[in-house]
Amino acid sequence: MFDMKYFSKQLRVKRAERGWSQDDLAKESGVSRNAIFRYESGLNEPMFTSVCALADAFGCPIGDFVSPESAA
Protein backbone atom coordinates (compact mmCIF):
# COMPACT_ATOMS: atom_id res chain seq x y z
CA MET A 1 0.00 0.00 0.00
CA PHE A 2 1.27 3.47 -0.93
CA ASP A 3 1.95 5.72 2.08
CA MET A 4 0.87 9.18 0.90
CA LYS A 5 1.92 10.87 4.14
CA TYR A 6 5.46 9.52 3.77
CA PHE A 7 5.61 10.48 0.08
CA SER A 8 4.43 14.03 0.84
CA LYS A 9 7.03 14.47 3.56
CA GLN A 10 9.85 13.10 1.40
CA LEU A 11 8.86 15.38 -1.46
CA ARG A 12 8.92 18.46 0.79
CA VAL A 13 12.24 17.43 2.39
CA LYS A 14 13.99 16.78 -0.93
CA ARG A 15 12.72 20.05 -2.37
CA ALA A 16 13.84 22.00 0.71
CA GLU A 17 17.28 20.34 0.68
CA ARG A 18 17.83 21.82 -2.76
CA GLY A 19 16.33 25.18 -1.91
CA TRP A 20 13.78 24.76 -4.71
CA SER A 21 10.37 26.35 -4.83
CA GLN A 22 7.44 24.35 -6.15
CA ASP A 23 7.87 26.28 -9.42
CA ASP A 24 11.53 25.24 -9.59
CA LEU A 25 10.63 21.59 -9.09
CA ALA A 26 7.88 21.85 -11.70
CA LYS A 27 10.39 23.17 -14.25
CA GLU A 28 12.97 20.49 -13.39
CA SER A 29 10.51 17.58 -13.39
CA GLY A 30 7.85 18.50 -15.93
CA VAL A 31 5.18 17.92 -13.24
CA SER A 32 2.84 20.89 -12.82
CA ARG A 33 3.25 23.18 -9.82
CA ASN A 34 -0.39 22.56 -8.93
CA ALA A 35 0.19 18.79 -8.88
CA ILE A 36 3.28 19.24 -6.69
CA PHE A 37 1.26 21.39 -4.29
CA ARG A 38 -1.47 18.75 -4.15
CA TYR A 39 1.04 15.93 -3.58
CA GLU A 40 2.81 17.84 -0.80
CA SER A 41 -0.53 18.63 0.80
CA GLY A 42 -1.64 15.01 0.59
CA LEU A 43 -4.66 15.93 -1.52
CA ASN A 44 -3.82 13.69 -4.48
CA GLU A 45 -1.90 10.47 -4.89
CA PRO A 46 0.60 10.71 -7.76
CA MET A 47 0.64 8.52 -10.83
CA PHE A 48 3.71 6.33 -11.22
CA THR A 49 4.95 8.47 -14.12
CA SER A 50 4.92 11.56 -11.86
CA VAL A 51 6.89 9.76 -9.14
CA CYS A 52 9.44 8.74 -11.79
CA ALA A 53 9.70 12.32 -13.11
CA LEU A 54 10.16 13.71 -9.60
CA ALA A 55 12.82 11.11 -8.76
CA ASP A 56 14.65 11.96 -12.00
CA ALA A 57 14.59 15.67 -11.13
CA PHE A 58 16.12 14.94 -7.73
CA GLY A 59 18.53 12.34 -9.11
CA CYS A 60 17.31 9.73 -6.67
CA PRO A 61 15.70 6.29 -6.94
CA ILE A 62 11.90 6.13 -6.75
CA GLY A 63 12.35 3.98 -3.66
CA ASP A 64 13.25 7.15 -1.75
CA PHE A 65 9.55 8.04 -1.90
CA VAL A 66 8.31 4.67 -0.61
CA SER A 67 7.92 4.12 3.10
CA PRO A 68 10.07 1.22 4.37
CA GLU A 69 6.95 -0.17 6.09
CA SER A 70 4.93 -0.19 2.85
CA ALA A 71 7.77 -1.88 0.95
CA ALA A 72 7.81 -4.85 3.34
PDB file of N, CA and C in Angstrom:
ATOM      1  N   MET A   1       0.844  -1.191   0.000  1.00  0.00           N
ATOM      2  CA  MET A   1       0.000   0.000   0.000  1.00  0.00           C
ATOM      3  C   MET A   1       0.889   1.254   0.000  1.00  0.00           C
ATOM      4  N   PHE A   2       0.521   2.219  -0.806  1.00  0.00           N
ATOM      5  CA  PHE A   2       1.269   3.474  -0.934  1.00  0.00           C
ATOM      6  C   PHE A   2       0.999   4.363   0.275  1.00  0.00           C
ATOM      7  N   ASP A   3       2.057   4.852   0.901  1.00  0.00           N
ATOM      8  CA  ASP A   3       1.948   5.717   2.078  1.00  0.00           C
ATOM      9  C   ASP A   3       2.057   7.172   1.630  1.00  0.00           C
ATOM     10  N   MET A   4       0.912   7.813   1.422  1.00  0.00           N
ATOM     11  CA  MET A   4       0.873   9.178   0.901  1.00  0.00           C
ATOM     12  C   MET A   4       1.518  10.168   1.861  1.00  0.00           C
ATOM     13  N   LYS A   5       1.336   9.964   3.147  1.00  0.00           N
ATOM     14  CA  LYS A   5       1.916  10.870   4.135  1.00  0.00           C
ATOM     15  C   LYS A   5       3.447  10.845   4.039  1.00  0.00           C
ATOM     16  N   TYR A   6       4.013   9.657   3.900  1.00  0.00           N
ATOM     17  CA  TYR A   6       5.464   9.515   3.774  1.00  0.00           C
ATOM     18  C   TYR A   6       5.945  10.164   2.476  1.00  0.00           C
ATOM     19  N   PHE A   7       5.241   9.890   1.374  1.00  0.00           N
ATOM     20  CA  PHE A   7       5.606  10.478   0.085  1.00  0.00           C
ATOM     21  C   PHE A   7       5.595  12.001   0.167  1.00  0.00           C
ATOM     22  N   SER A   8       4.548  12.571   0.732  1.00  0.00           N
ATOM     23  CA  SER A   8       4.426  14.030   0.843  1.00  0.00           C
ATOM     24  C   SER A   8       5.588  14.622   1.623  1.00  0.00           C
ATOM     25  N   LYS A   9       5.930  13.979   2.724  1.00  0.00           N
ATOM     26  CA  LYS A   9       7.033  14.473   3.558  1.00  0.00           C
ATOM     27  C   LYS A   9       8.355  14.386   2.801  1.00  0.00           C
ATOM     28  N   GLN A  10       8.608  13.265   2.148  1.00  0.00           N
ATOM     29  CA  GLN A  10       9.853  13.098   1.404  1.00  0.00           C
ATOM     30  C   GLN A  10       9.962  14.123   0.278  1.00  0.00           C
ATOM     31  N   LEU A  11       8.862  14.394  -0.377  1.00  0.00           N
ATOM     32  CA  LEU A  11       8.857  15.377  -1.455  1.00  0.00           C
ATOM     33  C   LEU A  11       9.220  16.767  -0.921  1.00  0.00           C
ATOM     34  N   ARG A  12       8.614  17.159   0.188  1.00  0.00           N
ATOM     35  CA  ARG A  12       8.921  18.460   0.794  1.00  0.00           C
ATOM     36  C   ARG A  12      10.373  18.534   1.256  1.00  0.00           C
ATOM     37  N   VAL A  13      10.863  17.456   1.881  1.00  0.00           N
ATOM     38  CA  VAL A  13      12.238  17.433   2.393  1.00  0.00           C
ATOM     39  C   VAL A  13      13.235  17.542   1.244  1.00  0.00           C
ATOM     40  N   LYS A  14      13.051  16.760   0.204  1.00  0.00           N
ATOM     41  CA  LYS A  14      13.988  16.781  -0.926  1.00  0.00           C
ATOM     42  C   LYS A  14      13.984  18.141  -1.623  1.00  0.00           C
ATOM     43  N   ARG A  15      12.821  18.737  -1.736  1.00  0.00           N
ATOM     44  CA  ARG A  15      12.725  20.051  -2.370  1.00  0.00           C
ATOM     45  C   ARG A  15      13.432  21.107  -1.508  1.00  0.00           C
ATOM     46  N   ALA A  16      13.215  21.046  -0.205  1.00  0.00           N
ATOM     47  CA  ALA A  16      13.839  22.005   0.714  1.00  0.00           C
ATOM     48  C   ALA A  16      15.357  21.836   0.742  1.00  0.00           C
ATOM     49  N   GLU A  17      15.840  20.597   0.675  1.00  0.00           N
ATOM     50  CA  GLU A  17      17.281  20.345   0.680  1.00  0.00           C
ATOM     51  C   GLU A  17      17.977  21.041  -0.497  1.00  0.00           C
ATOM     52  N   ARG A  18      17.266  21.172  -1.577  1.00  0.00           N
ATOM     53  CA  ARG A  18      17.835  21.818  -2.759  1.00  0.00           C
ATOM     54  C   ARG A  18      17.525  23.300  -2.825  1.00  0.00           C
ATOM     55  N   GLY A  19      16.696  23.764  -1.912  1.00  0.00           N
ATOM     56  CA  GLY A  19      16.330  25.177  -1.907  1.00  0.00           C
ATOM     57  C   GLY A  19      15.421  25.539  -3.069  1.00  0.00           C
ATOM     58  N   TRP A  20      14.670  24.557  -3.567  1.00  0.00           N
ATOM     59  CA  TRP A  20      13.782  24.762  -4.708  1.00  0.00           C
ATOM     60  C   TRP A  20      12.383  25.170  -4.256  1.00  0.00           C
ATOM     61  N   SER A  21      11.791  26.058  -5.006  1.00  0.00           N
ATOM     62  CA  SER A  21      10.366  26.355  -4.826  1.00  0.00           C
ATOM     63  C   SER A  21       9.575  25.278  -5.571  1.00  0.00           C
ATOM     64  N   GLN A  22       8.273  25.283  -5.392  1.00  0.00           N
ATOM     65  CA  GLN A  22       7.438  24.353  -6.153  1.00  0.00           C
ATOM     66  C   GLN A  22       7.550  24.645  -7.645  1.00  0.00           C
ATOM     67  N   ASP A  23       7.683  25.915  -8.010  1.00  0.00           N
ATOM     68  CA  ASP A  23       7.870  26.279  -9.416  1.00  0.00           C
ATOM     69  C   ASP A  23       9.181  25.712  -9.959  1.00  0.00           C
ATOM     70  N   ASP A  24      10.242  25.790  -9.165  1.00  0.00           N
ATOM     71  CA  ASP A  24      11.533  25.243  -9.593  1.00  0.00           C
ATOM     72  C   ASP A  24      11.415  23.742  -9.859  1.00  0.00           C
ATOM     73  N   LEU A  25      10.789  23.035  -8.937  1.00  0.00           N
ATOM     74  CA  LEU A  25      10.626  21.592  -9.093  1.00  0.00           C
ATOM     75  C   LEU A  25       9.765  21.272 -10.304  1.00  0.00           C
ATOM     76  N   ALA A  26       8.739  22.064 -10.526  1.00  0.00           N
ATOM     77  CA  ALA A  26       7.879  21.855 -11.700  1.00  0.00           C
ATOM     78  C   ALA A  26       8.701  21.976 -12.984  1.00  0.00           C
ATOM     79  N   LYS A  27       9.556  22.978 -13.058  1.00  0.00           N
ATOM     80  CA  LYS A  27      10.395  23.175 -14.246  1.00  0.00           C
ATOM     81  C   LYS A  27      11.387  22.027 -14.421  1.00  0.00           C
ATOM     82  N   GLU A  28      11.971  21.570 -13.330  1.00  0.00           N
ATOM     83  CA  GLU A  28      12.969  20.490 -13.389  1.00  0.00           C
ATOM     84  C   GLU A  28      12.346  19.135 -13.731  1.00  0.00           C
ATOM     85  N   SER A  29      11.128  18.904 -13.264  1.00  0.00           N
ATOM     86  CA  SER A  29      10.510  17.579 -13.395  1.00  0.00           C
ATOM     87  C   SER A  29       9.500  17.449 -14.532  1.00  0.00           C
ATOM     88  N   GLY A  30       8.919  18.573 -14.940  1.00  0.00           N
ATOM     89  CA  GLY A  30       7.846  18.503 -15.928  1.00  0.00           C
ATOM     90  C   GLY A  30       6.497  18.186 -15.303  1.00  0.00           C
ATOM     91  N   VAL A  31       6.436  18.128 -13.976  1.00  0.00           N
ATOM     92  CA  VAL A  31       5.185  17.921 -13.242  1.00  0.00           C
ATOM     93  C   VAL A  31       4.659  19.304 -12.884  1.00  0.00           C
ATOM     94  N   SER A  32       3.374  19.545 -13.050  1.00  0.00           N
ATOM     95  CA  SER A  32       2.843  20.891 -12.818  1.00  0.00           C
ATOM     96  C   SER A  32       3.005  21.327 -11.359  1.00  0.00           C
ATOM     97  N   ARG A  33       3.127  22.630 -11.173  1.00  0.00           N
ATOM     98  CA  ARG A  33       3.249  23.181  -9.819  1.00  0.00           C
ATOM     99  C   ARG A  33       2.014  22.848  -9.003  1.00  0.00           C
ATOM    100  N   ASN A  34       0.849  22.882  -9.633  1.00  0.00           N
ATOM    101  CA  ASN A  34      -0.391  22.558  -8.932  1.00  0.00           C
ATOM    102  C   ASN A  34      -0.381  21.106  -8.448  1.00  0.00           C
ATOM    103  N   ALA A  35       0.107  20.197  -9.286  1.00  0.00           N
ATOM    104  CA  ALA A  35       0.189  18.788  -8.879  1.00  0.00           C
ATOM    105  C   ALA A  35       1.152  18.635  -7.707  1.00  0.00           C
ATOM    106  N   ILE A  36       2.296  19.309  -7.781  1.00  0.00           N
ATOM    107  CA  ILE A  36       3.276  19.236  -6.689  1.00  0.00           C
ATOM    108  C   ILE A  36       2.656  19.748  -5.394  1.00  0.00           C
ATOM    109  N   PHE A  37       1.944  20.865  -5.466  1.00  0.00           N
ATOM    110  CA  PHE A  37       1.261  21.393  -4.286  1.00  0.00           C
ATOM    111  C   PHE A  37       0.285  20.351  -3.721  1.00  0.00           C
ATOM    112  N   ARG A  38      -0.476  19.731  -4.591  1.00  0.00           N
ATOM    113  CA  ARG A  38      -1.473  18.752  -4.154  1.00  0.00           C
ATOM    114  C   ARG A  38      -0.817  17.496  -3.578  1.00  0.00           C
ATOM    115  N   TYR A  39       0.317  17.084  -4.142  1.00  0.00           N
ATOM    116  CA  TYR A  39       1.043  15.931  -3.580  1.00  0.00           C
ATOM    117  C   TYR A  39       1.611  16.276  -2.205  1.00  0.00           C
ATOM    118  N   GLU A  40       2.223  17.439  -2.086  1.00  0.00           N
ATOM    119  CA  GLU A  40       2.813  17.838  -0.804  1.00  0.00           C
ATOM    120  C   GLU A  40       1.751  18.030   0.273  1.00  0.00           C
ATOM    121  N   SER A  41       0.568  18.427  -0.139  1.00  0.00           N
ATOM    122  CA  SER A  41      -0.534  18.630   0.802  1.00  0.00           C
ATOM    123  C   SER A  41      -1.281  17.343   1.109  1.00  0.00           C
ATOM    124  N   GLY A  42      -0.966  16.284   0.386  1.00  0.00           N
ATOM    125  CA  GLY A  42      -1.640  15.008   0.589  1.00  0.00           C
ATOM    126  C   GLY A  42      -3.033  14.956  -0.006  1.00  0.00           C
ATOM    127  N   LEU A  43      -3.324  15.864  -0.930  1.00  0.00           N
ATOM    128  CA  LEU A  43      -4.660  15.928  -1.517  1.00  0.00           C
ATOM    129  C   LEU A  43      -4.855  14.948  -2.668  1.00  0.00           C
ATOM    130  N   ASN A  44      -3.755  14.622  -3.363  1.00  0.00           N
ATOM    131  CA  ASN A  44      -3.822  13.690  -4.483  1.00  0.00           C
ATOM    132  C   ASN A  44      -2.670  12.707  -4.402  1.00  0.00           C
ATOM    133  N   GLU A  45      -2.934  11.482  -4.790  1.00  0.00           N
ATOM    134  CA  GLU A  45      -1.897  10.468  -4.893  1.00  0.00           C
ATOM    135  C   GLU A  45      -1.321  10.540  -6.305  1.00  0.00           C
ATOM    136  N   PRO A  46       0.001  10.556  -6.439  1.00  0.00           N
ATOM    137  CA  PRO A  46       0.599  10.708  -7.763  1.00  0.00           C
ATOM    138  C   PRO A  46       0.499   9.441  -8.604  1.00  0.00           C
ATOM    139  N   MET A  47       0.510   9.644  -9.909  1.00  0.00           N
ATOM    140  CA  MET A  47       0.635   8.524 -10.833  1.00  0.00           C
ATOM    141  C   MET A  47       2.100   8.096 -10.819  1.00  0.00           C
ATOM    142  N   PHE A  48       2.347   6.858 -11.211  1.00  0.00           N
ATOM    143  CA  PHE A  48       3.708   6.326 -11.217  1.00  0.00           C
ATOM    144  C   PHE A  48       4.625   7.173 -12.095  1.00  0.00           C
ATOM    145  N   THR A  49       4.120   7.657 -13.215  1.00  0.00           N
ATOM    146  CA  THR A  49       4.949   8.471 -14.118  1.00  0.00           C
ATOM    147  C   THR A  49       5.394   9.767 -13.445  1.00  0.00           C
ATOM    148  N   SER A  50       4.546  10.337 -12.587  1.00  0.00           N
ATOM    149  CA  SER A  50       4.918  11.555 -11.861  1.00  0.00           C
ATOM    150  C   SER A  50       5.992  11.267 -10.818  1.00  0.00           C
ATOM    151  N   VAL A  51       5.865  10.141 -10.126  1.00  0.00           N
ATOM    152  CA  VAL A  51       6.887   9.761  -9.144  1.00  0.00           C
ATOM    153  C   VAL A  51       8.226   9.576  -9.849  1.00  0.00           C
ATOM    154  N   CYS A  52       8.212   8.936 -11.014  1.00  0.00           N
ATOM    155  CA  CYS A  52       9.445   8.739 -11.788  1.00  0.00           C
ATOM    156  C   CYS A  52      10.052  10.081 -12.209  1.00  0.00           C
ATOM    157  N   ALA A  53       9.213  11.007 -12.678  1.00  0.00           N
ATOM    158  CA  ALA A  53       9.696  12.321 -13.112  1.00  0.00           C
ATOM    159  C   ALA A  53      10.287  13.099 -11.939  1.00  0.00           C
ATOM    160  N   LEU A  54       9.659  13.018 -10.783  1.00  0.00           N
ATOM    161  CA  LEU A  54      10.165  13.714  -9.596  1.00  0.00           C
ATOM    162  C   LEU A  54      11.495  13.105  -9.149  1.00  0.00           C
ATOM    163  N   ALA A  55      11.570  11.779  -9.138  1.00  0.00           N
ATOM    164  CA  ALA A  55      12.818  11.111  -8.762  1.00  0.00           C
ATOM    165  C   ALA A  55      13.943  11.496  -9.723  1.00  0.00           C
ATOM    166  N   ASP A  56      13.638  11.546 -11.015  1.00  0.00           N
ATOM    167  CA  ASP A  56      14.646  11.962 -12.000  1.00  0.00           C
ATOM    168  C   ASP A  56      15.131  13.381 -11.729  1.00  0.00           C
ATOM    169  N   ALA A  57      14.218  14.277 -11.406  1.00  0.00           N
ATOM    170  CA  ALA A  57      14.586  15.669 -11.131  1.00  0.00           C
ATOM    171  C   ALA A  57      15.516  15.768  -9.923  1.00  0.00           C
ATOM    172  N   PHE A  58      15.278  14.935  -8.926  1.00  0.00           N
ATOM    173  CA  PHE A  58      16.117  14.939  -7.730  1.00  0.00           C
ATOM    174  C   PHE A  58      17.365  14.083  -7.886  1.00  0.00           C
ATOM    175  N   GLY A  59      17.396  13.244  -8.926  1.00  0.00           N
ATOM    176  CA  GLY A  59      18.528  12.344  -9.110  1.00  0.00           C
ATOM    177  C   GLY A  59      18.569  11.248  -8.073  1.00  0.00           C
ATOM    178  N   CYS A  60      17.390  10.764  -7.694  1.00  0.00           N
ATOM    179  CA  CYS A  60      17.310   9.728  -6.668  1.00  0.00           C
ATOM    180  C   CYS A  60      16.444   8.566  -7.179  1.00  0.00           C
ATOM    181  N   PRO A  61      16.556   7.403  -6.550  1.00  0.00           N
ATOM    182  CA  PRO A  61      15.696   6.289  -6.937  1.00  0.00           C
ATOM    183  C   PRO A  61      14.262   6.530  -6.455  1.00  0.00           C
ATOM    184  N   ILE A  62      13.300   5.949  -7.167  1.00  0.00           N
ATOM    185  CA  ILE A  62      11.904   6.130  -6.750  1.00  0.00           C
ATOM    186  C   ILE A  62      11.653   5.527  -5.374  1.00  0.00           C
ATOM    187  N   GLY A  63      12.488   4.582  -4.983  1.00  0.00           N
ATOM    188  CA  GLY A  63      12.353   3.976  -3.659  1.00  0.00           C
ATOM    189  C   GLY A  63      12.494   4.969  -2.527  1.00  0.00           C
ATOM    190  N   ASP A  64      13.131   6.120  -2.787  1.00  0.00           N
ATOM    191  CA  ASP A  64      13.250   7.146  -1.747  1.00  0.00           C
ATOM    192  C   ASP A  64      11.891   7.699  -1.342  1.00  0.00           C
ATOM    193  N   PHE A  65      10.885   7.513  -2.187  1.00  0.00           N
ATOM    194  CA  PHE A  65       9.550   8.039  -1.901  1.00  0.00           C
ATOM    195  C   PHE A  65       8.617   6.989  -1.304  1.00  0.00           C
ATOM    196  N   VAL A  66       9.134   5.760  -1.120  1.00  0.00           N
ATOM    197  CA  VAL A  66       8.314   4.670  -0.611  1.00  0.00           C
ATOM    198  C   VAL A  66       8.688   4.386   0.836  1.00  0.00           C
ATOM    199  N   SER A  67       7.699   4.393   1.691  1.00  0.00           N
ATOM    200  CA  SER A  67       7.924   4.121   3.097  1.00  0.00           C
ATOM    201  C   SER A  67       8.500   2.720   3.273  1.00  0.00           C
ATOM    202  N   PRO A  68       9.521   2.560   4.129  1.00  0.00           N
ATOM    203  CA  PRO A  68      10.072   1.219   4.374  1.00  0.00           C
ATOM    204  C   PRO A  68       9.006   0.232   4.857  1.00  0.00           C
ATOM    205  N   GLU A  69       8.005   0.704   5.587  1.00  0.00           N
ATOM    206  CA  GLU A  69       6.952  -0.173   6.086  1.00  0.00           C
ATOM    207  C   GLU A  69       6.057  -0.661   4.939  1.00  0.00           C
ATOM    208  N   SER A  70       5.815   0.208   3.948  1.00  0.00           N
ATOM    209  CA  SER A  70       4.930  -0.189   2.847  1.00  0.00           C
ATOM    210  C   SER A  70       5.657  -1.062   1.837  1.00  0.00           C
ATOM    211  N   ALA A  71       6.993  -1.062   1.880  1.00  0.00           N
ATOM    212  CA  ALA A  71       7.765  -1.881   0.946  1.00  0.00           C
ATOM    213  C   ALA A  71       7.922  -3.304   1.463  1.00  0.00           C
ATOM    214  N   ALA A  72       7.626  -3.517   2.740  1.00  0.00           N
ATOM    215  CA  ALA A  72       7.815  -4.850   3.343  1.00  0.00           C
ATOM    216  C   ALA A  72       6.717  -5.806   2.962  1.00  0.00           C
TER     217      ALA A  72
END
